[in-house]
Amino acid sequence: QLDRFAGVVSHDLRNPLNVASGSMQLARESGDPTHFDRAERAHDRMERLIDGLLTLATEGEDVTERRPVSLAETARAAWGTVATEDATLTVDGDATVTADPNRLQQLLENLYRNSVDHGGDAVAVRVAVTDDGFLIEDDGPGIPPSVREDVLQPGYTTEADGSGIGLMIVSHVADAHDWSLAIGEGSQGGARFRFDGVATPE
């Protein structure tokens, strides 16, 4: 349990840390103050992650806060805290879902990073609303059917420098919300992660 927790900490904090470091370097090189804004958002995200991980350590993997959240706003906020290079994000539609906003953003960040890691710097990522939830897909190489269950297991990775943590976190966040997760092929041939059973405010 301790080893897994340490892996989650190092994995999820690395995303916004890389964004903050890159933004500071761009600010120094260009003199453009807007890069400081992105660095500040990344630092804010790290603070929220630390708070959330401390909650995970003390309260377990249950979701402790559920409230109405805009899927589109959370999807765009998550994109801003991940080093996405030349990748593009399309958000089709919006829905208000009942979720822990920090854990939902954590789920999206890990899926974005997975797309960039496996689909390349210019991968196209799409978030869309479905009848019973939402999906995230990309135009990368996809995930072969034979390993779609394996990729959610701790430590599974096909990358030499991969951690095998990101998709495990996605699975845990979905389970904590009682969402079902199905991995399949996206509309552009890449990976698709579909979440069903997503509650909406009454």
Foldseek 3Di string as FASTA:
>chain_A
DVVLLVLVLVVLLVFLVVLLVVLVVCCVVPVDCVSVVLNVLSVVLNVVVVVVSVCCVVPNLAFDAWDWDKPVVLLVSLVSRGPLQQAEEAEEDIATFTADSSLSSLLNNLVSVVCCVQAHSHKYWYWYADPFGIKIWILGQADDPVCQVVLLDFQDDPDPPDRSNSSVSNVSRLVSQVWDWDWDADPNGYIMIDTGNTHHDD
